Amino acid sequence: TTSTASSDDTPPDNLTQEENPATATITVTAVEIPELTEQEISDRLH
């Protein structure tokens, strides 16, 4: 987490400053969740 108050006005790497200083674009990396294996399905049912 990066504080919005900093000594200079350059945004952090994952933020893009727009005309309105109250808005920002944040890039989020999605993580793929693997499907359950047959054994995991069996364990869950149990």
All heavy atoms as atom14 arrays in JSON, in Angstrom:
{
  "sequence": "TTSTASSDDTPPDNLTQEENPATATITVTAVEIPELTEQEISDRLH",
  "atom14_mask": [
    [1, 1, 1, 1, 1, 1, 1, 0, 0, 0, 0, 0, 0, 0],
    [1, 1, 1, 1, 1, 1, 1, 0, 0, 0, 0, 0, 0, 0],
    [1, 1, 1, 1, 1, 1, 0, 0, 0, 0, 0, 0, 0, 0],
    [1, 1, 1, 1, 1, 1, 1, 0, 0, 0, 0, 0, 0, 0],
    [1, 1, 1, 1, 1, 0, 0, 0, 0, 0, 0, 0, 0, 0],
    [1, 1, 1, 1, 1, 1, 0, 0, 0, 0, 0, 0, 0, 0],
    [1, 1, 1, 1, 1, 1, 0, 0, 0, 0, 0, 0, 0, 0],
    [1, 1, 1, 1, 1, 1, 1, 1, 0, 0, 0, 0, 0, 0],
    [1, 1, 1, 1, 1, 1, 1, 1, 0, 0, 0, 0, 0, 0],
    [1, 1, 1, 1, 1, 1, 1, 0, 0, 0, 0, 0, 0, 0],
    [1, 1, 1, 1, 1, 1, 1, 0, 0, 0, 0, 0, 0, 0],
    [1, 1, 1, 1, 1, 1, 1, 0, 0, 0, 0, 0, 0, 0],
    [1, 1, 1, 1, 1, 1, 1, 1, 0, 0, 0, 0, 0, 0],
    [1, 1, 1, 1, 1, 1, 1, 1, 0, 0, 0, 0, 0, 0],
    [1, 1, 1, 1, 1, 1, 1, 1, 0, 0, 0, 0, 0, 0],
    [1, 1, 1, 1, 1, 1, 1, 0, 0, 0, 0, 0, 0, 0],
    [1, 1, 1, 1, 1, 1, 1, 1, 1, 0, 0, 0, 0, 0],
    [1, 1, 1, 1, 1, 1, 1, 1, 1, 0, 0, 0, 0, 0],
    [1, 1, 1, 1, 1, 1, 1, 1, 1, 0, 0, 0, 0, 0],
    [1, 1, 1, 1, 1, 1, 1, 1, 0, 0, 0, 0, 0, 0],
    [1, 1, 1, 1, 1, 1, 1, 0, 0, 0, 0, 0, 0, 0],
    [1, 1, 1, 1, 1, 0, 0, 0, 0, 0, 0, 0, 0, 0],
    [1, 1, 1, 1, 1, 1, 1, 0, 0, 0, 0, 0, 0, 0],
    [1, 1, 1, 1, 1, 0, 0, 0, 0, 0, 0, 0, 0, 0],
    [1, 1, 1, 1, 1, 1, 1, 0, 0, 0, 0, 0, 0, 0],
    [1, 1, 1, 1, 1, 1, 1, 1, 0, 0, 0, 0, 0, 0],
    [1, 1, 1, 1, 1, 1, 1, 0, 0, 0, 0, 0, 0, 0],
    [1, 1, 1, 1, 1, 1, 1, 0, 0, 0, 0, 0, 0, 0],
    [1, 1, 1, 1, 1, 1, 1, 0, 0, 0, 0, 0, 0, 0],
    [1, 1, 1, 1, 1, 0, 0, 0, 0, 0, 0, 0, 0, 0],
    [1, 1, 1, 1, 1, 1, 1, 0, 0, 0, 0, 0, 0, 0],
    [1, 1, 1, 1, 1, 1, 1, 1, 1, 0, 0, 0, 0, 0],
    [1, 1, 1, 1, 1, 1, 1, 1, 0, 0, 0, 0, 0, 0],
    [1, 1, 1, 1, 1, 1, 1, 0, 0, 0, 0, 0, 0, 0],
    [1, 1, 1, 1, 1, 1, 1, 1, 1, 0, 0, 0, 0, 0],
    [1, 1, 1, 1, 1, 1, 1, 1, 0, 0, 0, 0, 0, 0],
    [1, 1, 1, 1, 1, 1, 1, 0, 0, 0, 0, 0, 0, 0],
    [1, 1, 1, 1, 1, 1, 1, 1, 1, 0, 0, 0, 0, 0],
    [1, 1, 1, 1, 1, 1, 1, 1, 1, 0, 0, 0, 0, 0],
    [1, 1, 1, 1, 1, 1, 1, 1, 1, 0, 0, 0, 0, 0],
    [1, 1, 1, 1, 1, 1, 1, 1, 0, 0, 0, 0, 0, 0],
    [1, 1, 1, 1, 1, 1, 0, 0, 0, 0, 0, 0, 0, 0],
    [1, 1, 1, 1, 1, 1, 1, 1, 0, 0, 0, 0, 0, 0],
    [1, 1, 1, 1, 1, 1, 1, 1, 1, 1, 1, 0, 0, 0],
    [1, 1, 1, 1, 1, 1, 1, 1, 0, 0, 0, 0, 0, 0],
    [1, 1, 1, 1, 1, 1, 1, 1, 1, 1, 0, 0, 0, 0]
  ],
  "atom14_positions": [
    [[0.85, -1.18, 0.0], [0.0, 0.0, 0.0], [0.89, 1.23, 0.0], [1.84, 1.32, 0.76], [-0.91, 0.02, 1.24], [-1.64, -1.19, 1.26], [-1.84, 1.2, 1.22], [0.0, 0.0, 0.0], [0.0, 0.0, 0.0], [0.0, 0.0, 0.0], [0.0, 0.0, 0.0], [0.0, 0.0, 0.0], [0.0, 0.0, 0.0], [0.0, 0.0, 0.0]],
    [[0.54, 2.16, -0.86], [1.34, 3.38, -0.98], [0.51, 4.55, -0.51], [-0.65, 4.7, -0.89], [1.74, 3.61, -2.45], [2.36, 2.42, -2.94], [2.69, 4.78, -2.58], [0.0, 0.0, 0.0], [0.0, 0.0, 0.0], [0.0, 0.0, 0.0], [0.0, 0.0, 0.0], [0.0, 0.0, 0.0], [0.0, 0.0, 0.0], [0.0, 0.0, 0.0]],
    [[1.08, 5.39, 0.31], [0.39, 6.57, 0.8], [0.16, 7.55, -0.34], [1.0, 7.72, -1.21], [1.22, 7.23, 1.9], [0.66, 8.48, 2.24], [0.0, 0.0, 0.0], [0.0, 0.0, 0.0], [0.0, 0.0, 0.0], [0.0, 0.0, 0.0], [0.0, 0.0, 0.0], [0.0, 0.0, 0.0], [0.0, 0.0, 0.0], [0.0, 0.0, 0.0]],
    [[-1.02, 8.23, -0.32], [-1.3, 9.2, -1.36], [-0.55, 10.51, -1.12], [-0.37, 11.3, -2.03], [-2.81, 9.49, -1.46], [-3.28, 9.92, -0.19], [-3.57, 8.26, -1.93], [0.0, 0.0, 0.0], [0.0, 0.0, 0.0], [0.0, 0.0, 0.0], [0.0, 0.0, 0.0], [0.0, 0.0, 0.0], [0.0, 0.0, 0.0], [0.0, 0.0, 0.0]],
    [[-0.15, 10.73, 0.1], [0.61, 11.95, 0.38], [2.1, 11.63, 0.24], [2.62, 10.78, 0.92], [0.33, 12.43, 1.8], [0.0, 0.0, 0.0], [0.0, 0.0, 0.0], [0.0, 0.0, 0.0], [0.0, 0.0, 0.0], [0.0, 0.0, 0.0], [0.0, 0.0, 0.0], [0.0, 0.0, 0.0], [0.0, 0.0, 0.0], [0.0, 0.0, 0.0]],
    [[2.76, 12.31, -0.69], [4.19, 12.08, -0.86], [4.87, 13.42, -1.07], [4.24, 14.44, -1.32], [4.45, 11.13, -2.04], [3.99, 11.73, -3.23], [0.0, 0.0, 0.0], [0.0, 0.0, 0.0], [0.0, 0.0, 0.0], [0.0, 0.0, 0.0], [0.0, 0.0, 0.0], [0.0, 0.0, 0.0], [0.0, 0.0, 0.0], [0.0, 0.0, 0.0]],
    [[6.19, 13.37, -1.02], [6.94, 14.62, -1.12], [6.88, 15.18, -2.53], [6.96, 16.38, -2.73], [8.39, 14.41, -0.68], [8.97, 13.4, -1.48], [0.0, 0.0, 0.0], [0.0, 0.0, 0.0], [0.0, 0.0, 0.0], [0.0, 0.0, 0.0], [0.0, 0.0, 0.0], [0.0, 0.0, 0.0], [0.0, 0.0, 0.0], [0.0, 0.0, 0.0]],
    [[6.78, 14.32, -3.55], [6.63, 14.84, -4.9], [5.26, 14.43, -5.44], [4.56, 13.64, -4.86], [7.76, 14.37, -5.82], [7.8, 12.87, -5.98], [6.89, 12.18, -5.46], [8.74, 12.38, -6.61], [0.0, 0.0, 0.0], [0.0, 0.0, 0.0], [0.0, 0.0, 0.0], [0.0, 0.0, 0.0], [0.0, 0.0, 0.0], [0.0, 0.0, 0.0]],
    [[4.86, 14.96, -6.56], [3.54, 14.72, -7.1], [3.51, 13.63, -8.15], [2.55, 13.49, -8.88], [2.96, 16.01, -7.7], [2.52, 16.99, -6.61], [2.26, 16.52, -5.49], [2.41, 18.19, -6.92], [0.0, 0.0, 0.0], [0.0, 0.0, 0.0], [0.0, 0.0, 0.0], [0.0, 0.0, 0.0], [0.0, 0.0, 0.0], [0.0, 0.0, 0.0]],
    [[4.55, 12.8, -8.25], [4.54, 11.72, -9.23], [3.8, 10.53, -8.64], [4.05, 10.14, -7.5], [5.98, 11.31, -9.62], [6.68, 10.96, -8.44], [6.69, 12.41, -10.37], [0.0, 0.0, 0.0], [0.0, 0.0, 0.0], [0.0, 0.0, 0.0], [0.0, 0.0, 0.0], [0.0, 0.0, 0.0], [0.0, 0.0, 0.0], [0.0, 0.0, 0.0]],
    [[2.87, 9.96, -9.39], [2.1, 8.83, -8.86], [2.97, 7.58, -8.8], [3.95, 7.46, -9.53], [0.98, 8.67, -9.89], [1.51, 9.28, -11.15], [2.47, 10.35, -10.73], [0.0, 0.0, 0.0], [0.0, 0.0, 0.0], [0.0, 0.0, 0.0], [0.0, 0.0, 0.0], [0.0, 0.0, 0.0], [0.0, 0.0, 0.0], [0.0, 0.0, 0.0]],
    [[2.59, 6.61, -7.92], [3.3, 5.33, -7.88], [3.18, 4.64, -9.24], [2.33, 4.99, -10.05], [2.57, 4.54, -6.8], [1.8, 5.56, -6.01], [1.56, 6.72, -6.94], [0.0, 0.0, 0.0], [0.0, 0.0, 0.0], [0.0, 0.0, 0.0], [0.0, 0.0, 0.0], [0.0, 0.0, 0.0], [0.0, 0.0, 0.0], [0.0, 0.0, 0.0]],
    [[4.0, 3.59, -9.47], [4.04, 2.91, -10.77], [2.69, 2.37, -11.23], [2.4, 2.36, -12.41], [5.05, 1.75, -10.73], [6.48, 2.28, -10.63], [6.71, 3.47, -10.93], [7.35, 1.49, -10.23], [0.0, 0.0, 0.0], [0.0, 0.0, 0.0], [0.0, 0.0, 0.0], [0.0, 0.0, 0.0], [0.0, 0.0, 0.0], [0.0, 0.0, 0.0]],
    [[1.86, 1.87, -10.28], [0.61, 1.26, -10.69], [-0.56, 2.25, -10.73], [-1.69, 1.87, -10.91], [0.26, 0.07, -9.78], [0.0, 0.52, -8.35], [0.42, 1.58, -7.93], [-0.7, -0.34, -7.6], [0.0, 0.0, 0.0], [0.0, 0.0, 0.0], [0.0, 0.0, 0.0], [0.0, 0.0, 0.0], [0.0, 0.0, 0.0], [0.0, 0.0, 0.0]],
    [[-0.31, 3.54, -10.56], [-1.36, 4.55, -10.61], [-1.1, 5.51, -11.75], [0.03, 5.88, -12.04], [-1.4, 5.36, -9.3], [-1.8, 4.62, -8.03], [-1.76, 5.57, -6.85], [-3.19, 4.03, -8.17], [0.0, 0.0, 0.0], [0.0, 0.0, 0.0], [0.0, 0.0, 0.0], [0.0, 0.0, 0.0], [0.0, 0.0, 0.0], [0.0, 0.0, 0.0]],
    [[-2.17, 5.92, -12.4], [-2.07, 6.9, -13.46], [-2.87, 8.12, -13.02], [-4.06, 8.0, -12.73], [-2.68, 6.36, -14.78], [-2.04, 5.14, -15.08], [-2.52, 7.35, -15.9], [0.0, 0.0, 0.0], [0.0, 0.0, 0.0], [0.0, 0.0, 0.0], [0.0, 0.0, 0.0], [0.0, 0.0, 0.0], [0.0, 0.0, 0.0], [0.0, 0.0, 0.0]],
    [[-2.21, 9.26, -12.94], [-2.9, 10.46, -12.5], [-3.66, 11.05, -13.68], [-3.16, 11.12, -14.79], [-1.89, 11.49, -11.98], [-2.52, 12.55, -11.12], [-1.45, 13.34, -10.38], [-0.29, 13.32, -10.75], [-1.86, 14.04, -9.36], [0.0, 0.0, 0.0], [0.0, 0.0, 0.0], [0.0, 0.0, 0.0], [0.0, 0.0, 0.0], [0.0, 0.0, 0.0]],
    [[-4.92, 11.4, -13.45], [-5.75, 11.99, -14.48], [-5.95, 13.46, -14.17], [-5.36, 14.0, -13.24], [-7.08, 11.25, -14.53], [-6.89, 9.77, -14.89], [-8.2, 9.0, -14.87], [-9.26, 9.64, -14.74], [-8.15, 7.78, -14.98], [0.0, 0.0, 0.0], [0.0, 0.0, 0.0], [0.0, 0.0, 0.0], [0.0, 0.0, 0.0], [0.0, 0.0, 0.0]],
    [[-6.81, 14.11, -14.96], [-7.06, 15.54, -14.74], [-7.61, 15.8, -13.35], [-7.25, 16.78, -12.72], [-8.01, 16.07, -15.81], [-7.35, 16.2, -17.17], [-8.3, 16.79, -18.19], [-9.24, 17.51, -17.8], [-8.09, 16.52, -19.38], [0.0, 0.0, 0.0], [0.0, 0.0, 0.0], [0.0, 0.0, 0.0], [0.0, 0.0, 0.0], [0.0, 0.0, 0.0]],
    [[-8.5, 14.94, -12.87], [-9.06, 15.1, -11.53], [-8.12, 14.4, -10.55], [-7.97, 13.18, -10.59], [-10.46, 14.48, -11.48], [-11.12, 14.66, -10.13], [-10.47, 15.05, -9.16], [-12.4, 14.36, -10.08], [0.0, 0.0, 0.0], [0.0, 0.0, 0.0], [0.0, 0.0, 0.0], [0.0, 0.0, 0.0], [0.0, 0.0, 0.0], [0.0, 0.0, 0.0]],
    [[-7.47, 15.13, -9.65], [-6.5, 14.51, -8.74], [-7.14, 13.55, -7.74], [-6.45, 12.79, -7.1], [-5.85, 15.7, -8.03], [-6.78, 16.84, -8.21], [-7.57, 16.57, -9.45], [0.0, 0.0, 0.0], [0.0, 0.0, 0.0], [0.0, 0.0, 0.0], [0.0, 0.0, 0.0], [0.0, 0.0, 0.0], [0.0, 0.0, 0.0], [0.0, 0.0, 0.0]],
    [[-8.47, 13.54, -7.63], [-9.13, 12.63, -6.7], [-9.36, 11.26, -7.31], [-9.79, 10.34, -6.63], [-10.46, 13.23, -6.26], [0.0, 0.0, 0.0], [0.0, 0.0, 0.0], [0.0, 0.0, 0.0], [0.0, 0.0, 0.0], [0.0, 0.0, 0.0], [0.0, 0.0, 0.0], [0.0, 0.0, 0.0], [0.0, 0.0, 0.0], [0.0, 0.0, 0.0]],
    [[-9.09, 11.09, -8.6], [-9.28, 9.79, -9.24], [-7.94, 9.21, -9.64], [-6.97, 9.93, -9.87], [-10.17, 9.91, -10.49], [-9.5, 10.72, -11.44], [-11.54, 10.48, -10.15], [0.0, 0.0, 0.0], [0.0, 0.0, 0.0], [0.0, 0.0, 0.0], [0.0, 0.0, 0.0], [0.0, 0.0, 0.0], [0.0, 0.0, 0.0], [0.0, 0.0, 0.0]],
    [[-7.91, 7.88, -9.69], [-6.69, 7.2, -10.1], [-7.06, 5.87, -10.72], [-8.11, 5.3, -10.42], [-5.78, 6.96, -8.9], [0.0, 0.0, 0.0], [0.0, 0.0, 0.0], [0.0, 0.0, 0.0], [0.0, 0.0, 0.0], [0.0, 0.0, 0.0], [0.0, 0.0, 0.0], [0.0, 0.0, 0.0], [0.0, 0.0, 0.0], [0.0, 0.0, 0.0]],
    [[-6.24, 5.34, -11.58], [-6.43, 4.02, -12.17], [-5.45, 3.08, -11.49], [-4.26, 3.36, -11.42], [-6.15, 4.06, -13.68], [-7.03, 5.02, -14.28], [-6.35, 2.69, -14.3], [0.0, 0.0, 0.0], [0.0, 0.0, 0.0], [0.0, 0.0, 0.0], [0.0, 0.0, 0.0], [0.0, 0.0, 0.0], [0.0, 0.0, 0.0], [0.0, 0.0, 0.0]],
    [[-5.97, 1.96, -11.01], [-5.14, 0.97, -10.32], [-5.14, -0.29, -11.16], [-6.19, -0.79, -11.55], [-5.68, 0.67, -8.91], [-5.69, 1.95, -8.07], [-4.86, -0.43, -8.25], [-6.34, 1.77, -6.72], [0.0, 0.0, 0.0], [0.0, 0.0, 0.0], [0.0, 0.0, 0.0], [0.0, 0.0, 0.0], [0.0, 0.0, 0.0], [0.0, 0.0, 0.0]],
    [[-3.97, -0.83, -11.43], [-3.83, -2.07, -12.18], [-3.78, -3.22, -11.19], [-2.97, -3.22, -10.27], [-2.54, -2.05, -13.01], [-2.56, -0.89, -13.85], [-2.42, -3.31, -13.86], [0.0, 0.0, 0.0], [0.0, 0.0, 0.0], [0.0, 0.0, 0.0], [0.0, 0.0, 0.0], [0.0, 0.0, 0.0], [0.0, 0.0, 0.0], [0.0, 0.0, 0.0]],
    [[-4.68, -4.2, -11.37], [-4.76, -5.35, -10.48], [-4.46, -6.6, -11.29], [-5.01, -6.79, -12.37], [-6.16, -5.46, -9.84], [-6.26, -6.68, -8.96], [-6.51, -4.2, -9.08], [0.0, 0.0, 0.0], [0.0, 0.0, 0.0], [0.0, 0.0, 0.0], [0.0, 0.0, 0.0], [0.0, 0.0, 0.0], [0.0, 0.0, 0.0], [0.0, 0.0, 0.0]],
    [[-3.59, -7.46, -10.77], [-3.25, -8.7, -11.43], [-4.2, -9.79, -10.97], [-4.35, -10.02, -9.77], [-1.8, -9.1, -11.1], [-0.94, -8.02, -11.44], [-1.39, -10.35, -11.86], [0.0, 0.0, 0.0], [0.0, 0.0, 0.0], [0.0, 0.0, 0.0], [0.0, 0.0, 0.0], [0.0, 0.0, 0.0], [0.0, 0.0, 0.0], [0.0, 0.0, 0.0]],
    [[-4.89, -10.46, -11.9], [-5.81, -11.54, -11.56], [-5.03, -12.83, -11.35], [-4.05, -13.09, -12.04], [-6.83, -11.73, -12.67], [0.0, 0.0, 0.0], [0.0, 0.0, 0.0], [0.0, 0.0, 0.0], [0.0, 0.0, 0.0], [0.0, 0.0, 0.0], [0.0, 0.0, 0.0], [0.0, 0.0, 0.0], [0.0, 0.0, 0.0], [0.0, 0.0, 0.0]],
    [[-5.49, -13.64, -10.4], [-4.86, -14.92, -10.12], [-5.86, -16.01, -10.47], [-7.0, -15.98, -10.01], [-4.45, -15.02, -8.64], [-3.85, -16.38, -8.33], [-3.5, -13.9, -8.27], [0.0, 0.0, 0.0], [0.0, 0.0, 0.0], [0.0, 0.0, 0.0], [0.0, 0.0, 0.0], [0.0, 0.0, 0.0], [0.0, 0.0, 0.0], [0.0, 0.0, 0.0]],
    [[-5.47, -16.95, -11.29], [-6.35, -18.05, -11.68], [-6.41, -19.08, -10.57], [-5.38, -19.49, -10.02], [-5.85, -18.69, -12.97], [-6.8, -19.73, -13.49], [-6.35, -20.29, -14.84], [-5.64, -19.58, -15.55], [-6.74, -21.42, -15.13], [0.0, 0.0, 0.0], [0.0, 0.0, 0.0], [0.0, 0.0, 0.0], [0.0, 0.0, 0.0], [0.0, 0.0, 0.0]],
    [[-7.63, -19.48, -10.2], [-7.83, -20.49, -9.17], [-8.01, -21.84, -9.88], [-8.92, -21.99, -10.69], [-9.09, -20.2, -8.33], [-9.06, -18.78, -7.75], [-9.28, -21.25, -7.25], [-8.0, -18.55, -6.71], [0.0, 0.0, 0.0], [0.0, 0.0, 0.0], [0.0, 0.0, 0.0], [0.0, 0.0, 0.0], [0.0, 0.0, 0.0], [0.0, 0.0, 0.0]],
    [[-7.15, -22.81, -9.59], [-7.26, -24.1, -10.28], [-8.53, -24.85, -9.84], [-8.98, -24.73, -8.71], [-6.0, -24.85, -9.86], [-5.58, -24.21, -8.59], [-6.05, -22.78, -8.64], [0.0, 0.0, 0.0], [0.0, 0.0, 0.0], [0.0, 0.0, 0.0], [0.0, 0.0, 0.0], [0.0, 0.0, 0.0], [0.0, 0.0, 0.0], [0.0, 0.0, 0.0]],
    [[-9.1, -25.62, -10.77], [-10.27, -26.45, -10.47], [-9.87, -27.51, -9.44], [-8.7, -27.87, -9.32], [-10.78, -27.13, -11.74], [-11.38, -26.17, -12.74], [-12.66, -25.51, -12.24], [-13.46, -26.19, -11.56], [-12.84, -24.32, -12.52], [0.0, 0.0, 0.0], [0.0, 0.0, 0.0], [0.0, 0.0, 0.0], [0.0, 0.0, 0.0], [0.0, 0.0, 0.0]],
    [[-10.87, -28.05, -8.72], [-10.6, -29.1, -7.75], [-10.26, -30.4, -8.48], [-10.86, -30.72, -9.51], [-11.83, -29.33, -6.86], [-12.26, -28.19, -5.95], [-13.52, -28.58, -5.18], [-11.15, -27.81, -4.98], [0.0, 0.0, 0.0], [0.0, 0.0, 0.0], [0.0, 0.0, 0.0], [0.0, 0.0, 0.0], [0.0, 0.0, 0.0], [0.0, 0.0, 0.0]],
    [[-9.33, -31.14, -7.9], [-9.01, -32.46, -8.43], [-10.11, -33.44, -8.0], [-10.92, -33.12, -7.12], [-7.66, -32.97, -7.89], [-7.79, -33.15, -6.47], [-6.53, -31.99, -8.2], [0.0, 0.0, 0.0], [0.0, 0.0, 0.0], [0.0, 0.0, 0.0], [0.0, 0.0, 0.0], [0.0, 0.0, 0.0], [0.0, 0.0, 0.0], [0.0, 0.0, 0.0]],
    [[-10.12, -34.62, -8.57], [-11.1, -35.64, -8.19], [-10.96, -35.96, -6.69], [-11.96, -36.12, -5.99], [-10.92, -36.91, -9.01], [-11.33, -36.75, -10.46], [-12.81, -36.44, -10.63], [-13.64, -37.03, -9.9], [-13.14, -35.6, -11.48], [0.0, 0.0, 0.0], [0.0, 0.0, 0.0], [0.0, 0.0, 0.0], [0.0, 0.0, 0.0], [0.0, 0.0, 0.0]],
    [[-9.72, -36.03, -6.19], [-9.5, -36.32, -4.78], [-10.03, -35.19, -3.9], [-10.64, -35.43, -2.86], [-8.01, -36.55, -4.5], [-7.72, -36.92, -3.05], [-8.4, -38.21, -2.62], [-8.31, -39.23, -3.31], [-9.1, -38.18, -1.5], [0.0, 0.0, 0.0], [0.0, 0.0, 0.0], [0.0, 0.0, 0.0], [0.0, 0.0, 0.0], [0.0, 0.0, 0.0]],
    [[-9.82, -33.94, -4.31], [-10.32, -32.8, -3.55], [-11.85, -32.77, -3.52], [-12.45, -32.47, -2.49], [-9.78, -31.49, -4.13], [-8.3, -31.27, -3.86], [-7.74, -30.07, -4.59], [-8.17, -29.79, -5.74], [-6.86, -29.4, -4.01], [0.0, 0.0, 0.0], [0.0, 0.0, 0.0], [0.0, 0.0, 0.0], [0.0, 0.0, 0.0], [0.0, 0.0, 0.0]],
    [[-12.47, -33.12, -4.64], [-13.93, -33.19, -4.68], [-14.43, -34.26, -3.73], [-15.39, -34.05, -2.97], [-14.42, -33.45, -6.13], [-14.14, -32.23, -7.01], [-15.91, -33.81, -6.15], [-14.35, -32.47, -8.49], [0.0, 0.0, 0.0], [0.0, 0.0, 0.0], [0.0, 0.0, 0.0], [0.0, 0.0, 0.0], [0.0, 0.0, 0.0], [0.0, 0.0, 0.0]],
    [[-13.78, -35.41, -3.73], [-14.14, -36.5, -2.82], [-13.97, -36.08, -1.36], [-14.83, -36.32, -0.52], [-13.29, -37.72, -3.13], [-13.55, -38.75, -2.21], [0.0, 0.0, 0.0], [0.0, 0.0, 0.0], [0.0, 0.0, 0.0], [0.0, 0.0, 0.0], [0.0, 0.0, 0.0], [0.0, 0.0, 0.0], [0.0, 0.0, 0.0], [0.0, 0.0, 0.0]],
    [[-12.84, -35.44, -1.06], [-12.58, -34.96, 0.31], [-13.62, -33.93, 0.74], [-14.1, -33.95, 1.87], [-11.18, -34.36, 0.42], [-10.08, -35.39, 0.3], [-10.38, -36.61, 0.35], [-8.91, -34.99, 0.13], [0.0, 0.0, 0.0], [0.0, 0.0, 0.0], [0.0, 0.0, 0.0], [0.0, 0.0, 0.0], [0.0, 0.0, 0.0], [0.0, 0.0, 0.0]],
    [[-13.97, -33.01, -0.17], [-14.97, -31.99, 0.16], [-16.31, -32.64, 0.47], [-16.96, -32.3, 1.47], [-15.12, -30.99, -0.99], [-16.14, -29.88, -0.65], [-16.45, -28.98, -1.81], [-17.17, -29.75, -2.83], [-17.38, -29.33, -4.05], [-16.94, -28.16, -4.44], [-18.05, -30.07, -4.91], [0.0, 0.0, 0.0], [0.0, 0.0, 0.0], [0.0, 0.0, 0.0]],
    [[-16.74, -33.59, -0.35], [-18.0, -34.28, -0.14], [-18.01, -34.99, 1.21], [-18.98, -34.92, 1.97], [-18.26, -35.26, -1.28], [-19.59, -36.0, -1.26], [-20.76, -35.02, -1.26], [-19.68, -36.94, -2.45], [0.0, 0.0, 0.0], [0.0, 0.0, 0.0], [0.0, 0.0, 0.0], [0.0, 0.0, 0.0], [0.0, 0.0, 0.0], [0.0, 0.0, 0.0]],
    [[-16.91, -35.66, 1.53], [-16.79, -36.36, 2.82], [-16.92, -35.38, 3.99], [-17.64, -35.64, 4.95], [-15.44, -37.09, 2.86], [-15.14, -37.75, 4.16], [-15.76, -38.92, 4.57], [-14.31, -37.41, 5.17], [-15.31, -39.25, 5.76], [-14.42, -38.36, 6.14], [0.0, 0.0, 0.0], [0.0, 0.0, 0.0], [0.0, 0.0, 0.0], [0.0, 0.0, 0.0]]
  ]
}
